[in-house]
Amino acid sequence: MKEFVSYYLDRRTAIDSTLFKQWLKNMQSESGVLAHDDMSLKQVLIQGVDMFGSHIGFLKFKADVLDKETGKKIPGIVFARGPAVAVLILLDSEDETYAILTEQVRVPVGRLILELPAGMLDDDKGDVVGTAVREVEEETGIKLKMTDMVNLTAFLDSSTGCTVFPSPGGCDEELSLFLYRGSVDKDVITALHGKETGLRDHGELIKVYVVPYHKLWRLTADAKVLAAIALYEMAKRDGLLSP
């Protein structure tokens, strides 16, 4: 009986969660799937709930969405994790520009991945800049000022929502990508490379890597890195970033 009660409460909590409410809001928005009355949402089956302490971290559910004209179901399996941020940090030192990466254990892909410093928004306030600054400090030890951050995704057309969707076929995650650029002495670069960081009590085993920027696009399979490079280079090309 206790197992049944827990099962029911998890799903009841899921419906009331920020993650689920945001997904439903997206569905009903002006550009959403349900906006033009040619599709309908019949039911949602909550399949899994992962708690991060006292709040919901991840949701897995199946949404039955029908195309009214054909009566066919639209693929609707959703892994909900909400918005996240990542930061492209470029440091100039002795006529070379370096990028900061973090190496993390990524069990879902079974590999160690070199990534941008990144993290999930863990509250309902939507403080993307503050989250970006905090994640950088936690993962690299570098303290940045919010006023020095440039939102690269803000350069996108407003019709996109000014965020990037890494895997919209199965996950609701939307990324805000930021840029920080500064100048440092070479000893700072040396001290950063190989530094071990992360919140160890949260299972974060992170190592910092410093790589020449001109090599960055070939050194990682992280979509956040490649998207940030593209946005940064295109924004420079179009004169949207000051030198």
C-alpha atoms as a PDB file:
ATOM      1  CA  MET A   1       0.000   0.000   0.000  1.00  0.00           C
ATOM      2  CA  LYS A   2       2.837   2.418   0.829  1.00  0.00           C
ATOM      3  CA  GLU A   3       4.385   1.820  -2.617  1.00  0.00           C
ATOM      4  CA  PHE A   4       1.075   2.650  -4.316  1.00  0.00           C
ATOM      5  CA  VAL A   5       0.680   5.866  -2.329  1.00  0.00           C
ATOM      6  CA  SER A   6       4.210   6.980  -3.239  1.00  0.00           C
ATOM      7  CA  TYR A   7       3.591   6.130  -6.907  1.00  0.00           C
ATOM      8  CA  TYR A   8       0.384   8.204  -6.930  1.00  0.00           C
ATOM      9  CA  LEU A   9       1.897  11.168  -5.113  1.00  0.00           C
ATOM     10  CA  ASP A  10       4.881  11.277  -7.487  1.00  0.00           C
ATOM     11  CA  ARG A  11       2.570  11.586 -10.455  1.00  0.00           C
ATOM     12  CA  ARG A  12       0.294  14.077  -8.748  1.00  0.00           C
ATOM     13  CA  THR A  13       3.358  16.159  -7.893  1.00  0.00           C
ATOM     14  CA  ALA A  14       4.565  15.849 -11.491  1.00  0.00           C
ATOM     15  CA  ILE A  15       1.406  17.486 -12.874  1.00  0.00           C
ATOM     16  CA  ASP A  16       1.856  20.389 -10.463  1.00  0.00           C
ATOM     17  CA  SER A  17       5.583  20.808 -11.162  1.00  0.00           C
ATOM     18  CA  THR A  18       7.192  23.765 -12.915  1.00  0.00           C
ATOM     19  CA  LEU A  19       8.597  21.387 -15.544  1.00  0.00           C
ATOM     20  CA  PHE A  20       5.177  20.090 -16.568  1.00  0.00           C
ATOM     21  CA  LYS A  21       3.475  23.485 -16.395  1.00  0.00           C
ATOM     22  CA  GLN A  22       6.172  25.020 -18.611  1.00  0.00           C
ATOM     23  CA  TRP A  23       5.798  22.223 -21.171  1.00  0.00           C
ATOM     24  CA  LEU A  24       2.032  22.762 -21.249  1.00  0.00           C
ATOM     25  CA  LYS A  25       2.541  26.523 -21.578  1.00  0.00           C
ATOM     26  CA  ASN A  26       4.842  25.936 -24.554  1.00  0.00           C
ATOM     27  CA  MET A  27       2.241  23.691 -26.168  1.00  0.00           C
ATOM     28  CA  GLN A  28      -0.420  26.398 -25.793  1.00  0.00           C
ATOM     29  CA  SER A  29       1.754  29.382 -26.718  1.00  0.00           C
ATOM     30  CA  GLU A  30       1.311  31.464 -29.861  1.00  0.00           C
ATOM     31  CA  SER A  31       3.789  29.284 -31.753  1.00  0.00           C
ATOM     32  CA  GLY A  32       2.880  26.099 -29.879  1.00  0.00           C
ATOM     33  CA  VAL A  33       1.590  22.773 -31.163  1.00  0.00           C
ATOM     34  CA  LEU A  34      -1.942  23.489 -29.895  1.00  0.00           C
ATOM     35  CA  ALA A  35      -2.076  27.111 -31.068  1.00  0.00           C
ATOM     36  CA  HIS A  36      -4.010  26.724 -34.329  1.00  0.00           C
ATOM     37  CA  ASP A  37      -6.603  24.104 -33.409  1.00  0.00           C
ATOM     38  CA  ASP A  38      -5.356  21.589 -35.969  1.00  0.00           C
ATOM     39  CA  MET A  39      -3.985  19.303 -33.255  1.00  0.00           C
ATOM     40  CA  SER A  40      -5.364  18.164 -29.925  1.00  0.00           C
ATOM     41  CA  LEU A  41      -3.875  16.841 -26.700  1.00  0.00           C
ATOM     42  CA  LYS A  42      -5.861  13.796 -25.580  1.00  0.00           C
ATOM     43  CA  GLN A  43      -3.975  12.573 -22.540  1.00  0.00           C
ATOM     44  CA  VAL A  44      -0.620  12.521 -20.768  1.00  0.00           C
ATOM     45  CA  LEU A  45       0.885   9.465 -19.101  1.00  0.00           C
ATOM     46  CA  ILE A  46       3.530  10.221 -16.471  1.00  0.00           C
ATOM     47  CA  GLN A  47       6.080   7.417 -16.715  1.00  0.00           C
ATOM     48  CA  GLY A  48       8.873   8.543 -14.420  1.00  0.00           C
ATOM     49  CA  VAL A  49       9.788  11.158 -11.824  1.00  0.00           C
ATOM     50  CA  ASP A  50      13.326  11.870 -10.569  1.00  0.00           C
ATOM     51  CA  MET A  51      13.596  13.979  -7.455  1.00  0.00           C
ATOM     52  CA  PHE A  52      16.498  16.343  -6.756  1.00  0.00           C
ATOM     53  CA  GLY A  53      16.130  16.639  -3.020  1.00  0.00           C
ATOM     54  CA  SER A  54      12.678  18.076  -2.355  1.00  0.00           C
ATOM     55  CA  HIS A  55      11.908  19.191  -5.918  1.00  0.00           C
ATOM     56  CA  ILE A  56      11.429  17.434  -9.243  1.00  0.00           C
ATOM     57  CA  GLY A  57      14.558  17.319 -11.382  1.00  0.00           C
ATOM     58  CA  PHE A  58      13.466  15.220 -14.368  1.00  0.00           C
ATOM     59  CA  LEU A  59      10.157  13.999 -15.772  1.00  0.00           C
ATOM     60  CA  LYS A  60       9.475  11.314 -18.335  1.00  0.00           C
ATOM     61  CA  PHE A  61       5.998  11.213 -19.872  1.00  0.00           C
ATOM     62  CA  LYS A  62       4.063  10.322 -22.989  1.00  0.00           C
ATOM     63  CA  ALA A  63       1.691  12.854 -24.540  1.00  0.00           C
ATOM     64  CA  ASP A  64      -1.014  11.676 -26.944  1.00  0.00           C
ATOM     65  CA  VAL A  65      -1.268  14.456 -29.536  1.00  0.00           C
ATOM     66  CA  LEU A  66      -3.554  13.926 -32.540  1.00  0.00           C
ATOM     67  CA  ASP A  67      -3.482  15.575 -35.935  1.00  0.00           C
ATOM     68  CA  LYS A  68      -7.170  16.372 -36.435  1.00  0.00           C
ATOM     69  CA  GLU A  69      -7.061  16.130 -40.225  1.00  0.00           C
ATOM     70  CA  THR A  70      -5.572  12.642 -40.397  1.00  0.00           C
ATOM     71  CA  GLY A  71      -6.469  11.336 -36.945  1.00  0.00           C
ATOM     72  CA  LYS A  72      -2.873  10.152 -36.558  1.00  0.00           C
ATOM     73  CA  LYS A  73      -0.795  10.407 -33.398  1.00  0.00           C
ATOM     74  CA  ILE A  74       2.240  12.679 -33.378  1.00  0.00           C
ATOM     75  CA  PRO A  75       5.379  11.224 -31.687  1.00  0.00           C
ATOM     76  CA  GLY A  76       5.086  12.509 -28.135  1.00  0.00           C
ATOM     77  CA  ILE A  77       7.546  10.860 -25.741  1.00  0.00           C
ATOM     78  CA  VAL A  78       9.053  13.620 -23.594  1.00  0.00           C
ATOM     79  CA  PHE A  79      12.082  13.759 -21.329  1.00  0.00           C
ATOM     80  CA  ALA A  80      11.547  17.015 -19.432  1.00  0.00           C
ATOM     81  CA  ARG A  81      14.499  18.689 -17.723  1.00  0.00           C
ATOM     82  CA  GLY A  82      13.776  22.369 -18.345  1.00  0.00           C
ATOM     83  CA  PRO A  83      16.023  25.290 -19.301  1.00  0.00           C
ATOM     84  CA  ALA A  84      19.807  25.317 -18.952  1.00  0.00           C
ATOM     85  CA  VAL A  85      22.740  27.640 -19.538  1.00  0.00           C
ATOM     86  CA  ALA A  86      26.291  27.293 -20.883  1.00  0.00           C
ATOM     87  CA  VAL A  87      29.180  29.727 -21.149  1.00  0.00           C
ATOM     88  CA  LEU A  88      31.877  30.087 -23.798  1.00  0.00           C
ATOM     89  CA  ILE A  89      34.850  31.517 -21.883  1.00  0.00           C
ATOM     90  CA  LEU A  90      37.612  32.972 -24.050  1.00  0.00           C
ATOM     91  CA  LEU A  91      40.800  34.185 -22.398  1.00  0.00           C
ATOM     92  CA  ASP A  92      43.470  36.134 -24.280  1.00  0.00           C
ATOM     93  CA  SER A  93      47.040  35.533 -23.159  1.00  0.00           C
ATOM     94  CA  GLU A  94      50.310  36.303 -24.968  1.00  0.00           C
ATOM     95  CA  ASP A  95      48.825  36.651 -28.462  1.00  0.00           C
ATOM     96  CA  GLU A  96      46.764  33.460 -28.118  1.00  0.00           C
ATOM     97  CA  THR A  97      43.071  33.042 -27.330  1.00  0.00           C
ATOM     98  CA  TYR A  98      42.151  30.082 -25.130  1.00  0.00           C
ATOM     99  CA  ALA A  99      38.810  28.429 -24.419  1.00  0.00           C
ATOM    100  CA  ILE A 100      37.824  26.839 -21.108  1.00  0.00           C
ATOM    101  CA  LEU A 101      36.307  23.353 -21.144  1.00  0.00           C
ATOM    102  CA  THR A 102      35.288  20.927 -18.433  1.00  0.00           C
ATOM    103  CA  GLU A 103      35.701  17.170 -18.653  1.00  0.00           C
ATOM    104  CA  GLN A 104      32.796  15.317 -17.051  1.00  0.00           C
ATOM    105  CA  VAL A 105      31.653  11.728 -16.682  1.00  0.00           C
ATOM    106  CA  ARG A 106      28.492  11.348 -18.777  1.00  0.00           C
ATOM    107  CA  VAL A 107      26.902   8.000 -17.964  1.00  0.00           C
ATOM    108  CA  PRO A 108      24.067   8.295 -20.568  1.00  0.00           C
ATOM    109  CA  VAL A 109      26.614   8.221 -23.418  1.00  0.00           C
ATOM    110  CA  GLY A 110      29.130   6.080 -21.541  1.00  0.00           C
ATOM    111  CA  ARG A 111      31.972   8.531 -22.094  1.00  0.00           C
ATOM    112  CA  LEU A 112      34.006  11.369 -20.687  1.00  0.00           C
ATOM    113  CA  ILE A 113      32.973  14.522 -22.559  1.00  0.00           C
ATOM    114  CA  LEU A 114      34.738  17.859 -22.924  1.00  0.00           C
ATOM    115  CA  GLU A 115      32.038  20.502 -22.512  1.00  0.00           C
ATOM    116  CA  LEU A 116      31.345  24.149 -21.865  1.00  0.00           C
ATOM    117  CA  PRO A 117      30.728  25.035 -18.215  1.00  0.00           C
ATOM    118  CA  ALA A 118      26.967  24.567 -17.969  1.00  0.00           C
ATOM    119  CA  GLY A 119      24.069  23.837 -15.675  1.00  0.00           C
ATOM    120  CA  MET A 120      20.329  23.625 -15.222  1.00  0.00           C
ATOM    121  CA  LEU A 121      18.157  26.400 -13.879  1.00  0.00           C
ATOM    122  CA  ASP A 122      17.264  25.015 -10.483  1.00  0.00           C
ATOM    123  CA  ASP A 123      14.548  27.458  -9.458  1.00  0.00           C
ATOM    124  CA  ASP A 124      11.403  29.088 -10.838  1.00  0.00           C
ATOM    125  CA  LYS A 125      12.907  32.581 -11.179  1.00  0.00           C
ATOM    126  CA  GLY A 126      14.476  32.058 -14.592  1.00  0.00           C
ATOM    127  CA  ASP A 127      17.739  33.761 -13.573  1.00  0.00           C
ATOM    128  CA  VAL A 128      19.794  32.572 -16.547  1.00  0.00           C
ATOM    129  CA  VAL A 129      22.664  35.044 -16.120  1.00  0.00           C
ATOM    130  CA  GLY A 130      23.044  34.369 -12.413  1.00  0.00           C
ATOM    131  CA  THR A 131      22.911  30.626 -13.036  1.00  0.00           C
ATOM    132  CA  ALA A 132      25.580  30.928 -15.736  1.00  0.00           C
ATOM    133  CA  VAL A 133      27.935  32.830 -13.423  1.00  0.00           C
ATOM    134  CA  ARG A 134      27.351  30.379 -10.565  1.00  0.00           C
ATOM    135  CA  GLU A 135      27.945  27.305 -12.742  1.00  0.00           C
ATOM    136  CA  VAL A 136      31.200  28.727 -14.081  1.00  0.00           C
ATOM    137  CA  GLU A 137      32.494  29.270 -10.557  1.00  0.00           C
ATOM    138  CA  GLU A 138      31.391  25.799  -9.390  1.00  0.00           C
ATOM    139  CA  GLU A 139      32.889  24.007 -12.382  1.00  0.00           C
ATOM    140  CA  THR A 140      36.057  26.025 -13.040  1.00  0.00           C
ATOM    141  CA  GLY A 141      36.687  28.213 -10.000  1.00  0.00           C
ATOM    142  CA  ILE A 142      36.549  31.319 -12.216  1.00  0.00           C
ATOM    143  CA  LYS A 143      34.505  34.197 -10.780  1.00  0.00           C
ATOM    144  CA  LEU A 144      32.745  36.241 -13.456  1.00  0.00           C
ATOM    145  CA  LYS A 145      30.655  39.388 -13.196  1.00  0.00           C
ATOM    146  CA  MET A 146      27.116  39.228 -14.552  1.00  0.00           C
ATOM    147  CA  THR A 147      27.648  42.574 -16.283  1.00  0.00           C
ATOM    148  CA  ASP A 148      30.484  41.065 -18.373  1.00  0.00           C
ATOM    149  CA  MET A 149      28.313  38.276 -19.795  1.00  0.00           C
ATOM    150  CA  VAL A 150      27.070  38.477 -23.393  1.00  0.00           C
ATOM    151  CA  ASN A 151      23.965  36.456 -24.267  1.00  0.00           C
ATOM    152  CA  LEU A 152      24.796  34.880 -27.620  1.00  0.00           C
ATOM    153  CA  THR A 153      21.353  33.337 -28.037  1.00  0.00           C
ATOM    154  CA  ALA A 154      19.805  36.790 -27.724  1.00  0.00           C
ATOM    155  CA  PHE A 155      21.157  37.486 -31.217  1.00  0.00           C
ATOM    156  CA  LEU A 156      18.766  34.895 -32.657  1.00  0.00           C
ATOM    157  CA  ASP A 157      15.524  36.028 -34.264  1.00  0.00           C
ATOM    158  CA  SER A 158      12.739  36.525 -31.716  1.00  0.00           C
ATOM    159  CA  SER A 159      10.662  33.853 -33.461  1.00  0.00           C
ATOM    160  CA  THR A 160      13.104  31.230 -32.107  1.00  0.00           C
ATOM    161  CA  GLY A 161      12.477  32.208 -28.505  1.00  0.00           C
ATOM    162  CA  CYS A 162      16.178  33.169 -28.373  1.00  0.00           C
ATOM    163  CA  THR A 163      17.228  29.770 -27.062  1.00  0.00           C
ATOM    164  CA  VAL A 164      18.727  26.640 -28.612  1.00  0.00           C
ATOM    165  CA  PHE A 165      17.042  23.222 -28.497  1.00  0.00           C
ATOM    166  CA  PRO A 166      19.729  20.482 -28.564  1.00  0.00           C
ATOM    167  CA  SER A 167      17.353  17.530 -29.027  1.00  0.00           C
ATOM    168  CA  PRO A 168      13.744  18.671 -29.622  1.00  0.00           C
ATOM    169  CA  GLY A 169      12.660  15.247 -30.865  1.00  0.00           C
ATOM    170  CA  GLY A 170      12.791  13.837 -27.341  1.00  0.00           C
ATOM    171  CA  CYS A 171      13.784  16.477 -24.793  1.00  0.00           C
ATOM    172  CA  ASP A 172      12.386  19.877 -23.794  1.00  0.00           C
ATOM    173  CA  GLU A 173      15.790  21.296 -22.780  1.00  0.00           C
ATOM    174  CA  GLU A 174      16.386  24.817 -24.088  1.00  0.00           C
ATOM    175  CA  LEU A 175      19.791  26.421 -23.793  1.00  0.00           C
ATOM    176  CA  SER A 176      20.833  30.005 -23.274  1.00  0.00           C
ATOM    177  CA  LEU A 177      24.438  30.374 -24.448  1.00  0.00           C
ATOM    178  CA  PHE A 178      26.669  33.108 -23.049  1.00  0.00           C
ATOM    179  CA  LEU A 179      30.078  34.539 -23.916  1.00  0.00           C
ATOM    180  CA  TYR A 180      32.727  35.878 -21.586  1.00  0.00           C
ATOM    181  CA  ARG A 181      35.970  37.284 -22.988  1.00  0.00           C
ATOM    182  CA  GLY A 182      38.887  38.589 -20.982  1.00  0.00           C
ATOM    183  CA  SER A 183      42.682  38.848 -20.750  1.00  0.00           C
ATOM    184  CA  VAL A 184      44.880  36.993 -18.248  1.00  0.00           C
ATOM    185  CA  ASP A 185      48.550  36.291 -17.563  1.00  0.00           C
ATOM    186  CA  LYS A 186      49.965  33.009 -18.827  1.00  0.00           C
ATOM    187  CA  ASP A 187      50.339  31.646 -15.290  1.00  0.00           C
ATOM    188  CA  VAL A 188      46.527  31.790 -14.941  1.00  0.00           C
ATOM    189  CA  ILE A 189      46.181  29.575 -18.022  1.00  0.00           C
ATOM    190  CA  THR A 190      48.744  27.150 -16.591  1.00  0.00           C
ATOM    191  CA  ALA A 191      47.002  27.034 -13.207  1.00  0.00           C
ATOM    192  CA  LEU A 192      43.587  26.374 -14.755  1.00  0.00           C
ATOM    193  CA  HIS A 193      44.604  23.489 -17.015  1.00  0.00           C
ATOM    194  CA  GLY A 194      44.045  20.168 -15.246  1.00  0.00           C
ATOM    195  CA  LYS A 195      42.384  21.737 -12.204  1.00  0.00           C
ATOM    196  CA  GLU A 196      39.943  19.400 -10.457  1.00  0.00           C
ATOM    197  CA  THR A 197      36.643  21.046  -9.495  1.00  0.00           C
ATOM    198  CA  GLY A 198      32.923  20.401  -9.090  1.00  0.00           C
ATOM    199  CA  LEU A 199      30.541  19.782  -6.211  1.00  0.00           C
ATOM    200  CA  ARG A 200      31.957  16.475  -5.032  1.00  0.00           C
ATOM    201  CA  ASP A 201      29.074  15.814  -2.646  1.00  0.00           C
ATOM    202  CA  HIS A 202      26.758  16.011  -5.706  1.00  0.00           C
ATOM    203  CA  GLY A 203      28.830  13.483  -7.606  1.00  0.00           C
ATOM    204  CA  GLU A 204      30.533  16.069  -9.845  1.00  0.00           C
ATOM    205  CA  LEU A 205      34.008  14.873 -10.832  1.00  0.00           C
ATOM    206  CA  ILE A 206      35.182  17.688 -13.080  1.00  0.00           C
ATOM    207  CA  LYS A 207      38.555  18.503 -14.598  1.00  0.00           C
ATOM    208  CA  VAL A 208      39.267  21.822 -16.322  1.00  0.00           C
ATOM    209  CA  TYR A 209      40.940  21.905 -19.724  1.00  0.00           C
ATOM    210  CA  VAL A 210      42.328  24.985 -21.471  1.00  0.00           C
ATOM    211  CA  VAL A 211      42.636  24.708 -25.258  1.00  0.00           C
ATOM    212  CA  PRO A 212      43.543  27.143 -28.049  1.00  0.00           C
ATOM    213  CA  TYR A 213      40.355  28.617 -29.452  1.00  0.00           C
ATOM    214  CA  HIS A 214      41.316  27.949 -33.066  1.00  0.00           C
ATOM    215  CA  LYS A 215      41.399  24.211 -32.264  1.00  0.00           C
ATOM    216  CA  LEU A 216      38.221  24.167 -30.172  1.00  0.00           C
ATOM    217  CA  TRP A 217      35.725  23.109 -32.843  1.00  0.00           C
ATOM    218  CA  ARG A 218      37.632  19.895 -33.525  1.00  0.00           C
ATOM    219  CA  LEU A 219      38.291  18.839 -29.925  1.00  0.00           C
ATOM    220  CA  THR A 220      34.801  18.101 -28.627  1.00  0.00           C
ATOM    221  CA  ALA A 221      31.529  16.452 -29.561  1.00  0.00           C
ATOM    222  CA  ASP A 222      29.597  18.725 -27.195  1.00  0.00           C
ATOM    223  CA  ALA A 223      26.737  20.405 -29.078  1.00  0.00           C
ATOM    224  CA  LYS A 224      26.862  23.353 -26.663  1.00  0.00           C
ATOM    225  CA  VAL A 225      30.429  24.141 -27.725  1.00  0.00           C
ATOM    226  CA  LEU A 226      29.687  23.915 -31.435  1.00  0.00           C
ATOM    227  CA  ALA A 227      26.510  26.005 -31.163  1.00  0.00           C
ATOM    228  CA  ALA A 228      28.319  28.664 -29.132  1.00  0.00           C
ATOM    229  CA  ILE A 229      31.147  28.847 -31.674  1.00  0.00           C
ATOM    230  CA  ALA A 230      28.660  29.254 -34.511  1.00  0.00           C
ATOM    231  CA  LEU A 231      26.752  32.015 -32.725  1.00  0.00           C
ATOM    232  CA  TYR A 232      29.967  33.790 -31.687  1.00  0.00           C
ATOM    233  CA  GLU A 233      31.505  33.710 -35.168  1.00  0.00           C
ATOM    234  CA  MET A 234      28.298  34.740 -36.951  1.00  0.00           C
ATOM    235  CA  ALA A 235      27.684  37.578 -34.481  1.00  0.00           C
ATOM    236  CA  LYS A 236      31.219  38.836 -35.115  1.00  0.00           C
ATOM    237  CA  ARG A 237      30.753  38.549 -38.874  1.00  0.00           C
ATOM    238  CA  ASP A 238      27.558  40.602 -38.760  1.00  0.00           C
ATOM    239  CA  GLY A 239      29.058  43.277 -36.511  1.00  0.00           C
ATOM    240  CA  LEU A 240      26.881  42.428 -33.501  1.00  0.00           C
ATOM    241  CA  LEU A 241      29.861  42.074 -31.166  1.00  0.00           C
ATOM    242  CA  SER A 242      32.410  44.766 -30.480  1.00  0.00           C
ATOM    243  CA  PRO A 243      36.040  43.775 -31.194  1.00  0.00           C
END
